[in-house]
Amino acid sequence: MSKVIKSECKSIIITSFLFGLYHLPNLFLNTSSQTHGNMAMSIIIALTEQGFVGILFGLIWAKTHNLSACIFLHSFIDAFYILSVLKIG
């Protein structure tokens, strides 16, 4: 995307926004989510928390040009989320 837009910073912001929106259905529909059934809060969380993580992934990608670190970090974050939902650990 940065080649098309010709700006790495803008491409990170756009893809982070899209990354956040991609997580919107999970935030709204997941019964274990604090935002379950509340569309306004789901959007806010998707664009702030998930968007911030998207920026982090974008910065990692910009520095390394390797998806492995992003995949590992995303898996690590998801594992902690699953453990917290299941009340393990």
N, C-alpha and C. Protein backbone atom coordinates (compact mmCIF):
# COMPACT_ATOMS: atom_id res chain seq x y z
N MET A 1 0.82 -1.18 0.00
CA MET A 1 0.00 0.00 0.00
C MET A 1 0.87 1.25 0.00
N SER A 2 2.01 1.20 0.70
CA SER A 2 2.86 2.39 0.76
C SER A 2 3.42 2.76 -0.62
N LYS A 3 3.58 1.77 -1.50
CA LYS A 3 4.04 2.07 -2.87
C LYS A 3 2.96 2.79 -3.66
N VAL A 4 1.69 2.40 -3.45
CA VAL A 4 0.58 3.02 -4.17
C VAL A 4 0.34 4.44 -3.64
N ILE A 5 0.30 4.59 -2.33
CA ILE A 5 0.02 5.89 -1.72
C ILE A 5 1.26 6.78 -1.74
N LYS A 6 2.43 6.15 -1.81
CA LYS A 6 3.72 6.86 -1.78
C LYS A 6 3.98 7.52 -0.44
N SER A 7 3.44 6.91 0.61
CA SER A 7 3.68 7.39 1.97
C SER A 7 3.52 6.23 2.94
N GLU A 8 4.62 5.87 3.58
CA GLU A 8 4.56 4.77 4.53
C GLU A 8 3.70 5.12 5.75
N CYS A 9 3.79 6.35 6.20
CA CYS A 9 3.01 6.79 7.37
C CYS A 9 1.51 6.72 7.09
N LYS A 10 1.08 7.24 5.95
CA LYS A 10 -0.34 7.22 5.60
C LYS A 10 -0.84 5.79 5.42
N SER A 11 0.00 4.94 4.83
CA SER A 11 -0.43 3.56 4.62
C SER A 11 -0.57 2.83 5.95
N ILE A 12 0.28 3.11 6.92
CA ILE A 12 0.15 2.50 8.25
C ILE A 12 -1.14 2.96 8.91
N ILE A 13 -1.47 4.22 8.80
CA ILE A 13 -2.70 4.75 9.41
C ILE A 13 -3.93 4.13 8.75
N ILE A 14 -3.95 4.05 7.43
CA ILE A 14 -5.11 3.47 6.72
C ILE A 14 -5.27 2.00 7.05
N THR A 15 -4.19 1.24 7.01
CA THR A 15 -4.29 -0.20 7.30
C THR A 15 -4.63 -0.44 8.77
N SER A 16 -4.19 0.43 9.66
CA SER A 16 -4.55 0.30 11.07
C SER A 16 -6.04 0.54 11.28
N PHE A 17 -6.59 1.51 10.58
CA PHE A 17 -8.02 1.78 10.61
C PHE A 17 -8.80 0.55 10.12
N LEU A 18 -8.34 -0.03 9.01
CA LEU A 18 -8.98 -1.23 8.46
C LEU A 18 -8.83 -2.43 9.40
N PHE A 19 -7.68 -2.54 10.04
CA PHE A 19 -7.44 -3.61 11.02
C PHE A 19 -8.44 -3.49 12.17
N GLY A 20 -8.66 -2.27 12.64
CA GLY A 20 -9.62 -2.04 13.71
C GLY A 20 -11.03 -2.40 13.27
N LEU A 21 -11.43 -1.97 12.08
CA LEU A 21 -12.77 -2.28 11.59
C LEU A 21 -12.97 -3.77 11.37
N TYR A 22 -11.92 -4.47 11.00
CA TYR A 22 -12.01 -5.91 10.80
C TYR A 22 -12.42 -6.61 12.10
N HIS A 23 -12.01 -6.05 13.25
CA HIS A 23 -12.32 -6.65 14.54
C HIS A 23 -13.68 -6.21 15.10
N LEU A 24 -14.36 -5.31 14.41
CA LEU A 24 -15.64 -4.79 14.89
C LEU A 24 -16.71 -5.88 15.10
N PRO A 25 -16.92 -6.81 14.18
CA PRO A 25 -17.96 -7.83 14.42
C PRO A 25 -17.68 -8.65 15.68
N ASN A 26 -16.43 -8.98 15.93
CA ASN A 26 -16.10 -9.75 17.14
C ASN A 26 -16.42 -8.95 18.40
N LEU A 27 -16.10 -7.68 18.39
CA LEU A 27 -16.39 -6.84 19.57
C LEU A 27 -17.89 -6.72 19.81
N PHE A 28 -18.67 -6.62 18.75
CA PHE A 28 -20.11 -6.42 18.88
C PHE A 28 -20.86 -7.71 19.17
N LEU A 29 -20.46 -8.81 18.55
CA LEU A 29 -21.23 -10.06 18.64
C LEU A 29 -20.75 -11.04 19.70
N ASN A 30 -19.50 -10.93 20.12
CA ASN A 30 -18.94 -11.87 21.09
C ASN A 30 -19.58 -11.64 22.46
N THR A 31 -20.24 -12.67 22.98
CA THR A 31 -20.94 -12.52 24.26
C THR A 31 -20.00 -12.32 25.44
N SER A 32 -18.74 -12.68 25.31
CA SER A 32 -17.79 -12.47 26.41
C SER A 32 -17.11 -11.11 26.31
N SER A 33 -17.41 -10.35 25.27
CA SER A 33 -16.83 -9.02 25.10
C SER A 33 -17.59 -8.00 25.96
N GLN A 34 -16.87 -7.05 26.51
CA GLN A 34 -17.51 -6.01 27.31
C GLN A 34 -18.40 -5.11 26.45
N THR A 35 -18.16 -5.11 25.15
CA THR A 35 -18.93 -4.25 24.25
C THR A 35 -20.05 -5.01 23.54
N HIS A 36 -20.32 -6.22 23.96
CA HIS A 36 -21.34 -7.05 23.31
C HIS A 36 -22.67 -6.31 23.21
N GLY A 37 -23.17 -6.19 21.98
CA GLY A 37 -24.47 -5.58 21.76
C GLY A 37 -24.47 -4.06 21.75
N ASN A 38 -23.35 -3.42 22.03
CA ASN A 38 -23.27 -1.97 22.06
C ASN A 38 -22.43 -1.50 20.88
N MET A 39 -23.09 -1.11 19.79
CA MET A 39 -22.39 -0.75 18.56
C MET A 39 -21.48 0.45 18.73
N ALA A 40 -21.93 1.47 19.45
CA ALA A 40 -21.11 2.68 19.62
C ALA A 40 -19.80 2.34 20.34
N MET A 41 -19.89 1.60 21.42
CA MET A 41 -18.67 1.22 22.16
C MET A 41 -17.81 0.27 21.34
N SER A 42 -18.43 -0.61 20.57
CA SER A 42 -17.67 -1.52 19.72
C SER A 42 -16.85 -0.75 18.70
N ILE A 43 -17.45 0.27 18.11
CA ILE A 43 -16.74 1.10 17.12
C ILE A 43 -15.60 1.85 17.78
N ILE A 44 -15.86 2.42 18.95
CA ILE A 44 -14.82 3.17 19.66
C ILE A 44 -13.64 2.27 19.99
N ILE A 45 -13.91 1.10 20.53
CA ILE A 45 -12.84 0.17 20.89
C ILE A 45 -12.11 -0.32 19.63
N ALA A 46 -12.85 -0.61 18.58
CA ALA A 46 -12.24 -1.08 17.34
C ALA A 46 -11.27 -0.04 16.78
N LEU A 47 -11.66 1.22 16.81
CA LEU A 47 -10.83 2.26 16.23
C LEU A 47 -9.73 2.76 17.15
N THR A 48 -9.86 2.56 18.45
CA THR A 48 -8.81 3.01 19.36
C THR A 48 -7.87 1.86 19.72
N GLU A 49 -8.37 0.90 20.49
CA GLU A 49 -7.50 -0.19 20.93
C GLU A 49 -6.99 -1.02 19.76
N GLN A 50 -7.89 -1.49 18.92
CA GLN A 50 -7.46 -2.32 17.79
C GLN A 50 -6.67 -1.49 16.79
N GLY A 51 -7.05 -0.24 16.61
CA GLY A 51 -6.30 0.65 15.71
C GLY A 51 -4.89 0.88 16.21
N PHE A 52 -4.72 1.03 17.53
CA PHE A 52 -3.40 1.21 18.11
C PHE A 52 -2.53 -0.02 17.87
N VAL A 53 -3.11 -1.19 18.05
CA VAL A 53 -2.37 -2.43 17.79
C VAL A 53 -2.01 -2.51 16.31
N GLY A 54 -2.90 -2.07 15.44
CA GLY A 54 -2.61 -2.03 14.02
C GLY A 54 -1.44 -1.12 13.70
N ILE A 55 -1.37 0.01 14.38
CA ILE A 55 -0.22 0.92 14.20
C ILE A 55 1.05 0.24 14.67
N LEU A 56 0.99 -0.45 15.79
CA LEU A 56 2.15 -1.18 16.29
C LEU A 56 2.62 -2.21 15.27
N PHE A 57 1.68 -2.98 14.72
CA PHE A 57 2.03 -3.97 13.70
C PHE A 57 2.61 -3.28 12.46
N GLY A 58 2.04 -2.16 12.09
CA GLY A 58 2.55 -1.41 10.93
C GLY A 58 3.96 -0.92 11.13
N LEU A 59 4.26 -0.44 12.35
CA LEU A 59 5.62 0.02 12.65
C LEU A 59 6.60 -1.14 12.65
N ILE A 60 6.17 -2.28 13.17
CA ILE A 60 7.03 -3.47 13.14
C ILE A 60 7.31 -3.86 11.69
N TRP A 61 6.27 -3.87 10.87
CA TRP A 61 6.43 -4.20 9.45
C TRP A 61 7.37 -3.21 8.76
N ALA A 62 7.18 -1.91 9.03
CA ALA A 62 8.01 -0.88 8.40
C ALA A 62 9.49 -1.05 8.77
N LYS A 63 9.73 -1.48 9.99
CA LYS A 63 11.11 -1.64 10.45
C LYS A 63 11.74 -2.92 9.91
N THR A 64 10.98 -4.02 9.87
CA THR A 64 11.55 -5.33 9.53
C THR A 64 11.21 -5.84 8.14
N HIS A 65 10.09 -5.40 7.58
CA HIS A 65 9.55 -5.95 6.32
C HIS A 65 9.44 -7.47 6.38
N ASN A 66 9.01 -7.94 7.56
CA ASN A 66 8.85 -9.36 7.81
C ASN A 66 7.57 -9.55 8.62
N LEU A 67 6.68 -10.37 8.14
CA LEU A 67 5.41 -10.59 8.84
C LEU A 67 5.53 -11.50 10.04
N SER A 68 6.62 -12.23 10.16
CA SER A 68 6.76 -13.20 11.26
C SER A 68 6.61 -12.55 12.63
N ALA A 69 7.22 -11.40 12.82
CA ALA A 69 7.13 -10.72 14.12
C ALA A 69 5.69 -10.28 14.40
N CYS A 70 5.00 -9.78 13.39
CA CYS A 70 3.61 -9.36 13.55
C CYS A 70 2.72 -10.56 13.86
N ILE A 71 2.94 -11.66 13.16
CA ILE A 71 2.15 -12.87 13.39
C ILE A 71 2.38 -13.39 14.80
N PHE A 72 3.64 -13.43 15.24
CA PHE A 72 3.96 -13.91 16.58
C PHE A 72 3.30 -13.02 17.64
N LEU A 73 3.42 -11.71 17.49
CA LEU A 73 2.84 -10.78 18.47
C LEU A 73 1.32 -10.89 18.50
N HIS A 74 0.69 -11.01 17.34
CA HIS A 74 -0.76 -11.15 17.27
C HIS A 74 -1.19 -12.44 17.97
N SER A 75 -0.47 -13.52 17.75
CA SER A 75 -0.77 -14.80 18.42
C SER A 75 -0.62 -14.68 19.93
N PHE A 76 0.41 -13.98 20.36
CA PHE A 76 0.67 -13.77 21.79
C PHE A 76 -0.48 -12.99 22.43
N ILE A 77 -0.91 -11.92 21.77
CA ILE A 77 -2.02 -11.10 22.27
C ILE A 77 -3.31 -11.93 22.33
N ASP A 78 -3.59 -12.69 21.26
CA ASP A 78 -4.79 -13.53 21.23
C ASP A 78 -4.76 -14.60 22.32
N ALA A 79 -3.58 -15.17 22.57
CA ALA A 79 -3.47 -16.20 23.61
C ALA A 79 -3.82 -15.62 24.98
N PHE A 80 -3.34 -14.42 25.28
CA PHE A 80 -3.67 -13.80 26.56
C PHE A 80 -5.15 -13.47 26.65
N TYR A 81 -5.73 -13.04 25.54
CA TYR A 81 -7.17 -12.75 25.52
C TYR A 81 -7.97 -14.03 25.80
N ILE A 82 -7.61 -15.11 25.14
CA ILE A 82 -8.31 -16.38 25.34
C ILE A 82 -8.17 -16.86 26.79
N LEU A 83 -6.97 -16.74 27.34
CA LEU A 83 -6.77 -17.14 28.74
C LEU A 83 -7.61 -16.29 29.69
N SER A 84 -7.73 -15.01 29.39
CA SER A 84 -8.52 -14.15 30.28
C SER A 84 -10.02 -14.48 30.17
N VAL A 85 -10.49 -14.82 28.97
CA VAL A 85 -11.89 -15.18 28.79
C VAL A 85 -12.20 -16.48 29.50
N LEU A 86 -11.27 -17.43 29.40
CA LEU A 86 -11.47 -18.73 30.02
C LEU A 86 -11.13 -18.73 31.52
N LYS A 87 -10.60 -17.60 31.98
CA LYS A 87 -10.22 -17.43 33.39
C LYS A 87 -9.15 -18.46 33.79
N ILE A 88 -8.19 -18.67 32.89
CA ILE A 88 -7.05 -19.55 33.15
C ILE A 88 -5.83 -18.67 33.34
N GLY A 89 -5.07 -18.95 34.36
CA GLY A 89 -3.80 -18.22 34.56
C GLY A 89 -3.95 -16.98 35.30
